[in-house]
């Protein structure tokens, strides 16, 4: 169930005491003499997969005339629409979106590259809007942005990635656990993309990714709002059925044809099971069951990450739009 939080009626409470607002004044430009101007507000809407982030984000963006900055690592890639539950054409027409369809899936985007793109989008929004709105469930990407992590800048190594793909994800993750236990514990055993990236950094620099990451928070106030509906398991089951009905297997077939079955992103949740259907190793019913199970496991890991690495206000199931709106209004002052 969503965590309860003490209520307060005064805006000053939210701006001065409430842990949701992390004022980063030590990194902010000095205010003009006699002024009390606050750093700009960045609203983060986070939550596990299938928790309803897209629908709520659209409502909030329309209510406050904001644009949406995507923080879902798979939605950064072109041609991956159904399997990532990417916002539809109609939804993108309602509200401008940023950081969707940046590259082809065979052109990996590093964490540093994401961070640079996202910072540009956020700063542009803060110049033109009352606040910026980040939406997604990729915890490390969110933390890199809001905490100002400085991951190593290492160009992709295509030949090394091909070798790692041939080794298999199980072997690669064990190599990572041996060489960089901190990164190995942080990266899921089935996450081929991030496992390969961590090994790539180690190969290119001779140092672990964990040892090369520093932090310099940007000059923002960050309001983190979390969705964690009580019926999440049911929502995951329903959405998985929808993805297959909307053409996940057909989309996977096109990705395989265009980029090859060894594409690391084709091993991720949904695409991996659809790929096995195409290979005759699973029927549709079995694929749906396995995708549902993997998604539920992933959602559990997401919730654990959010509890440990973030301090969101968990919105209630009763009226999350009203609750979120009140918090944003308090933040805007």
Protein backbone atom coordinates (compact mmCIF):
# COMPACT_ATOMS: atom_id res chain seq x y z
CA UNK A 1 0.00 0.00 0.00
CA UNK A 2 1.21 3.57 -0.58
CA UNK A 3 3.06 4.99 2.37
CA UNK A 4 1.18 7.48 4.53
CA UNK A 5 2.60 10.93 4.99
CA UNK A 6 1.73 13.64 7.49
CA UNK A 7 -0.61 16.25 6.11
CA UNK A 8 0.04 19.98 6.23
CA UNK A 9 -2.02 22.90 5.10
CA UNK A 10 0.56 25.66 4.82
CA UNK A 11 2.74 26.13 1.76
CA UNK A 12 5.62 27.08 4.05
CA UNK A 13 5.61 23.59 5.49
CA UNK A 14 6.14 22.03 2.07
CA UNK A 15 8.83 24.52 1.15
CA UNK A 16 10.68 24.48 4.44
CA UNK A 17 10.21 21.19 6.26
CA UNK A 18 8.62 18.61 3.99
CA UNK A 19 11.22 16.06 2.78
CA UNK A 20 9.66 15.98 -0.69
CA UNK A 21 11.30 19.28 -1.55
CA UNK A 22 15.06 18.89 -1.71
CA UNK A 23 16.46 22.39 -1.89
CA UNK A 24 19.89 22.34 -3.40
CA UNK A 25 20.79 25.87 -2.39
CA UNK A 26 24.49 25.12 -2.08
CA UNK A 27 24.54 24.52 -5.83
CA UNK A 28 22.22 27.37 -6.78
CA UNK A 29 23.26 30.74 -8.16
CA UNK A 30 23.25 33.42 -5.45
CA UNK A 31 20.01 35.37 -5.26
CA UNK A 32 20.02 39.10 -5.89
CA UNK A 33 20.24 41.26 -2.74
CA UNK A 34 16.89 41.56 -1.05
CA UNK A 35 15.29 38.83 -3.15
CA UNK A 36 13.98 35.49 -1.98
CA UNK A 37 13.70 33.79 -5.35
CA UNK A 38 13.62 30.01 -5.08
CA UNK A 39 15.47 27.65 -7.40
CA UNK A 40 13.30 26.27 -10.23
CA UNK A 41 10.94 23.39 -9.55
CA UNK A 42 11.38 19.99 -11.19
CA UNK A 43 8.51 17.55 -10.65
CA UNK A 44 9.36 13.85 -10.88
CA UNK A 45 6.56 11.33 -11.38
CA UNK A 46 7.96 7.89 -10.69
CA UNK A 47 6.58 4.44 -10.07
CA UNK A 48 6.83 0.83 -11.18
CA UNK A 49 5.76 -0.29 -14.62
CA UNK A 50 1.98 -0.29 -15.28
CA UNK A 51 1.30 1.98 -12.29
CA UNK A 52 -0.49 4.62 -14.36
CA UNK A 53 2.28 7.20 -14.79
CA UNK A 54 1.44 8.08 -18.40
CA UNK A 55 -2.23 8.89 -17.76
CA UNK A 56 -1.51 10.95 -14.65
CA UNK A 57 1.39 12.76 -16.31
CA UNK A 58 -0.84 13.84 -19.18
CA UNK A 59 -3.44 15.21 -16.76
CA UNK A 60 -0.83 17.10 -14.73
CA UNK A 61 0.91 18.44 -17.83
CA UNK A 62 -2.37 19.81 -19.17
CA UNK A 63 -3.36 21.22 -15.78
CA UNK A 64 -0.10 23.15 -15.30
CA UNK A 65 0.78 23.68 -18.99
CA UNK A 66 3.94 21.58 -18.75
CA UNK A 67 5.81 19.33 -21.16
CA UNK A 68 6.86 15.75 -20.39
CA UNK A 69 10.50 14.64 -20.29
CA UNK A 70 10.73 10.86 -20.65
CA UNK A 71 12.87 8.90 -18.19
CA UNK A 72 12.16 5.38 -19.47
CA UNK A 73 15.39 3.92 -20.85
CA UNK A 74 13.75 1.75 -23.54
CA UNK A 75 11.51 4.53 -24.85
CA UNK A 76 14.65 6.40 -25.89
CA UNK A 77 14.84 4.10 -28.93
CA UNK A 78 13.03 4.17 -32.25
CA UNK A 79 10.97 1.22 -33.53
CA UNK A 80 10.23 0.04 -29.96
CA UNK A 81 6.71 1.32 -29.44
CA UNK A 82 4.38 -1.49 -28.41
CA UNK A 83 6.75 -3.36 -26.13
CA UNK A 84 7.74 -0.24 -24.20
CA UNK A 85 4.17 1.12 -23.91
CA UNK A 86 5.41 4.34 -25.47
CA UNK A 87 2.94 7.26 -25.45
CA UNK A 88 0.65 7.09 -28.47
CA UNK A 89 0.53 9.59 -31.31
CA UNK A 90 -2.67 11.01 -29.83
CA UNK A 91 -1.11 11.40 -26.37
CA UNK A 92 1.95 13.10 -27.83
CA UNK A 93 -0.33 15.48 -29.70
CA UNK A 94 -2.02 16.46 -26.42
CA UNK A 95 1.25 17.27 -24.63
CA UNK A 96 4.76 17.81 -26.06
CA UNK A 97 7.15 14.98 -25.11
CA UNK A 98 10.94 14.97 -25.00
CA UNK A 99 13.51 12.14 -25.16
CA UNK A 100 11.47 9.69 -27.22
CA UNK A 101 12.84 7.94 -30.33
CA UNK A 102 16.34 9.41 -30.04
CA UNK A 103 18.24 6.61 -31.76
CA UNK A 104 17.96 3.23 -33.42
CA UNK A 105 18.06 0.28 -31.01
CA UNK A 106 21.44 -0.82 -32.36
CA UNK A 107 22.94 2.56 -31.40
CA UNK A 108 23.24 2.37 -27.59
CA UNK A 109 22.68 5.52 -25.56
CA UNK A 110 25.01 5.77 -22.57
CA UNK A 111 23.91 7.13 -19.22
CA UNK A 112 26.06 10.22 -19.77
CA UNK A 113 24.45 10.83 -23.17
CA UNK A 114 20.99 10.47 -21.67
CA UNK A 115 21.95 12.87 -18.93
CA UNK A 116 23.15 15.49 -21.41
CA UNK A 117 19.98 15.21 -23.51
CA UNK A 118 17.74 15.32 -20.45
CA UNK A 119 19.50 18.33 -18.91
CA UNK A 120 19.07 20.22 -22.16
CA UNK A 121 15.35 19.39 -22.24
CA UNK A 122 14.81 20.25 -18.57
CA UNK A 123 16.66 23.56 -18.78
CA UNK A 124 14.73 24.55 -21.90
CA UNK A 125 11.48 23.74 -20.11
CA UNK A 126 12.49 25.75 -17.05
CA UNK A 127 13.15 28.76 -19.27
CA UNK A 128 9.70 28.57 -20.85
CA UNK A 129 7.44 26.89 -18.27
CA UNK A 130 6.61 27.16 -14.59
CA UNK A 131 8.31 23.81 -13.92
CA UNK A 132 9.75 20.75 -15.63
CA UNK A 133 8.03 17.35 -15.45
CA UNK A 134 10.08 14.13 -15.52
CA UNK A 135 8.17 10.88 -15.95
CA UNK A 136 9.50 7.33 -15.85
CA UNK A 137 10.47 4.23 -13.97
CA UNK A 138 14.17 3.93 -14.80
CA UNK A 139 15.54 4.61 -11.33
CA UNK A 140 19.22 5.00 -12.18
CA UNK A 141 18.43 7.44 -14.99
CA UNK A 142 16.29 9.53 -12.64
CA UNK A 143 18.96 9.54 -9.95
CA UNK A 144 21.67 10.44 -12.45
CA UNK A 145 19.65 13.46 -13.49
CA UNK A 146 18.29 14.78 -10.19
CA UNK A 147 21.41 14.01 -8.13
CA UNK A 148 23.81 15.12 -10.86
CA UNK A 149 25.74 11.85 -11.07
CA UNK A 150 28.76 12.04 -13.36
CA UNK A 151 29.11 8.63 -15.01
CA UNK A 152 32.27 7.91 -17.03
CA UNK A 153 32.26 9.12 -20.63
CA UNK A 154 33.22 6.04 -22.64
CA UNK A 155 32.25 5.56 -26.27
CA UNK A 156 30.41 2.32 -27.16
CA UNK A 157 32.67 -0.58 -28.15
CA UNK A 158 30.72 -2.52 -30.84
CA UNK A 159 33.20 -5.39 -31.21
CA UNK A 160 33.36 -5.92 -27.44
CA UNK A 161 29.56 -5.91 -27.21
CA UNK A 162 29.37 -8.58 -29.90
CA UNK A 163 31.79 -10.75 -27.92
CA UNK A 164 29.80 -10.23 -24.73
CA UNK A 165 26.57 -11.12 -26.50
CA UNK A 166 28.11 -14.40 -27.66
CA UNK A 167 29.22 -15.17 -24.10
CA UNK A 168 25.63 -14.92 -22.88
CA UNK A 169 24.07 -12.74 -20.21
CA UNK A 170 24.57 -15.24 -17.38
CA UNK A 171 28.33 -15.33 -17.92
CA UNK A 172 28.55 -11.56 -18.42
CA UNK A 173 26.71 -10.76 -15.22
CA UNK A 174 28.94 -13.14 -13.27
CA UNK A 175 32.00 -11.41 -14.75
CA UNK A 176 30.58 -8.11 -13.58
CA UNK A 177 29.88 -9.46 -10.09
CA UNK A 178 33.50 -10.61 -9.87
CA UNK A 179 34.99 -7.36 -11.19
CA UNK A 180 32.58 -4.72 -9.84
CA UNK A 181 30.35 -6.21 -7.11
CA UNK A 182 28.64 -2.88 -6.41
CA UNK A 183 27.50 -2.53 -10.02
CA UNK A 184 26.67 -6.23 -10.18
CA UNK A 185 24.31 -5.95 -7.23
CA UNK A 186 22.71 -2.81 -8.65
CA UNK A 187 22.14 -4.22 -12.14
CA UNK A 188 19.55 -6.98 -12.54
CA UNK A 189 20.92 -10.35 -13.62
CA UNK A 190 18.76 -10.27 -16.76
CA UNK A 191 19.68 -6.69 -17.77
CA UNK A 192 22.01 -7.29 -20.70
CA UNK A 193 22.20 -3.65 -21.77
CA UNK A 194 23.46 -2.25 -18.47
CA UNK A 195 25.65 -5.30 -17.76
CA UNK A 196 27.44 -4.86 -21.07
CA UNK A 197 27.84 -1.14 -20.45
CA UNK A 198 29.47 -1.69 -17.06
CA UNK A 199 31.87 -4.25 -18.54
CA UNK A 200 32.54 -1.90 -21.45
CA UNK A 201 33.60 0.90 -19.09
CA UNK A 202 35.86 -1.51 -17.19
CA UNK A 203 37.43 -2.72 -20.44
CA UNK A 204 37.99 0.78 -21.83
CA UNK A 205 39.31 2.48 -18.68
CA UNK A 206 40.65 -0.30 -16.49
CA UNK A 207 38.48 1.03 -13.65
CA UNK A 208 35.05 0.01 -12.43
CA UNK A 209 32.04 2.16 -13.23
CA UNK A 210 31.26 2.43 -9.51
CA UNK A 211 34.64 4.02 -8.78
CA UNK A 212 34.24 6.64 -11.52
CA UNK A 213 30.84 8.05 -10.58
CA UNK A 214 30.67 11.36 -8.71
CA UNK A 215 27.80 13.74 -8.03
CA UNK A 216 27.11 17.44 -8.50
CA UNK A 217 23.39 18.16 -8.02
CA UNK A 218 21.80 20.71 -10.36
CA UNK A 219 20.25 23.92 -8.94
CA UNK A 220 16.70 22.59 -8.69
CA UNK A 221 14.06 21.92 -6.10
CA UNK A 222 12.94 18.36 -6.78
CA UNK A 223 9.41 17.25 -5.93
CA UNK A 224 9.14 13.47 -6.23
CA UNK A 225 5.66 11.98 -6.56
CA UNK A 226 5.24 8.20 -6.55
CA UNK A 227 2.55 5.87 -7.85
CA UNK A 228 2.26 2.42 -6.30
CA UNK A 229 -1.35 1.23 -6.74
CA UNK A 230 -2.61 -1.57 -4.52
CA UNK A 231 -3.84 -3.49 -7.58
CA UNK A 232 -0.49 -3.35 -9.39
CA UNK A 233 -0.31 -7.10 -10.07
CA UNK A 234 -3.70 -6.99 -11.76
CA UNK A 235 -2.68 -3.93 -13.78
CA UNK A 236 0.49 -5.69 -14.94
CA UNK A 237 -1.49 -8.73 -16.08
CA UNK A 238 -3.95 -6.55 -17.99
CA UNK A 239 -1.25 -4.48 -19.64
CA UNK A 240 0.69 -7.55 -20.71
CA UNK A 241 -2.41 -8.89 -22.45
CA UNK A 242 -2.83 -5.51 -24.14
CA UNK A 243 0.76 -5.44 -25.40
CA UNK A 244 0.38 -8.79 -27.12
CA UNK A 245 -3.02 -7.77 -28.51
CA UNK A 246 -1.51 -4.55 -29.87
CA UNK A 247 1.16 -6.41 -31.83
CA UNK A 248 4.17 -7.10 -29.61
CA UNK A 249 5.07 -10.27 -31.50
CA UNK A 250 4.78 -8.50 -34.85
CA UNK A 251 6.91 -5.59 -33.62
CA UNK A 252 9.53 -8.04 -32.37
CA UNK A 253 9.57 -9.74 -35.75
CA UNK A 254 10.28 -6.41 -37.45
CA UNK A 255 13.05 -5.60 -34.96
CA UNK A 256 14.62 -9.02 -35.50
CA UNK A 257 14.48 -8.59 -39.27
CA UNK A 258 16.00 -5.11 -39.15
CA UNK A 259 18.59 -5.44 -36.39
CA UNK A 260 19.13 -9.17 -35.82
CA UNK A 261 18.07 -11.53 -33.05
CA UNK A 262 21.25 -10.75 -31.06
CA UNK A 263 20.16 -7.17 -30.41
CA UNK A 264 20.54 -6.76 -26.60
CA UNK A 265 17.26 -4.84 -26.31
CA UNK A 266 15.47 -7.87 -27.76
CA UNK A 267 16.39 -9.77 -24.60
CA UNK A 268 14.46 -7.33 -22.40
CA UNK A 269 11.03 -7.96 -20.89
CA UNK A 270 8.35 -8.69 -23.47
CA UNK A 271 10.64 -8.76 -26.47
CA UNK A 272 12.55 -11.76 -25.14
CA UNK A 273 9.38 -13.82 -24.78
CA UNK A 274 8.04 -12.68 -28.17
CA UNK A 275 11.36 -13.69 -29.73
CA UNK A 276 10.92 -17.19 -28.32
CA UNK A 277 7.43 -17.36 -29.84
CA UNK A 278 8.94 -16.53 -33.23
CA UNK A 279 11.55 -19.26 -32.70
CA UNK A 280 8.85 -21.82 -31.89
CA UNK A 281 10.06 -22.21 -28.31
CA UNK A 282 6.94 -20.75 -26.66
CA UNK A 283 3.29 -20.42 -27.55
CA UNK A 284 1.46 -17.13 -27.13
CA UNK A 285 -0.16 -18.14 -23.83
CA UNK A 286 3.18 -19.17 -22.35
CA UNK A 287 4.81 -15.97 -23.55
CA UNK A 288 2.13 -13.84 -21.90
CA UNK A 289 2.55 -15.76 -18.64
CA UNK A 290 6.34 -15.37 -18.66
CA UNK A 291 6.20 -11.69 -19.59
CA UNK A 292 3.73 -11.09 -16.76
CA UNK A 293 5.99 -12.87 -14.29
CA UNK A 294 9.12 -11.01 -15.40
CA UNK A 295 7.28 -7.69 -15.26
CA UNK A 296 6.05 -8.35 -11.73
CA UNK A 297 9.59 -9.23 -10.64
CA UNK A 298 10.88 -6.07 -12.28
CA UNK A 299 8.20 -3.95 -10.58
CA UNK A 300 9.29 -5.35 -7.23
CA UNK A 301 12.89 -4.31 -7.92
CA UNK A 302 11.69 -0.87 -8.98
CA UNK A 303 9.79 -0.38 -5.74
CA UNK A 304 12.85 -1.44 -3.75
CA UNK A 305 15.02 1.05 -5.64
CA UNK A 306 12.55 3.90 -5.15
CA UNK A 307 12.36 3.23 -1.40
CA UNK A 308 16.13 3.17 -1.01
CA UNK A 309 17.25 5.82 -3.46
CA UNK A 310 14.40 8.35 -3.55
CA UNK A 311 12.04 10.12 -1.16
CA UNK A 312 8.78 10.32 -3.09
CA UNK A 313 5.40 11.23 -1.73
CA UNK A 314 3.42 8.09 -2.49
CA UNK A 315 0.13 9.26 -3.93
CA UNK A 316 -3.01 7.58 -2.68
CA UNK A 317 -5.19 5.47 -4.96
CA UNK A 318 -8.25 7.60 -4.12
CA UNK A 319 -7.48 10.76 -6.13
CA UNK A 320 -3.81 10.93 -7.17
CA UNK A 321 -4.45 13.81 -9.58
CA UNK A 322 -5.92 16.06 -6.88
CA UNK A 323 -3.20 15.14 -4.41
CA UNK A 324 -0.39 15.69 -6.91
CA UNK A 325 -1.92 18.98 -8.06
CA UNK A 326 -1.99 20.33 -4.51
CA UNK A 327 1.67 19.44 -3.97
CA UNK A 328 2.71 21.04 -7.26
CA UNK A 329 0.72 24.18 -6.46
CA UNK A 330 2.47 24.38 -3.09
CA UNK A 331 5.83 23.99 -4.80
CA UNK A 332 5.09 26.72 -7.31
CA UNK A 333 4.06 29.04 -4.47
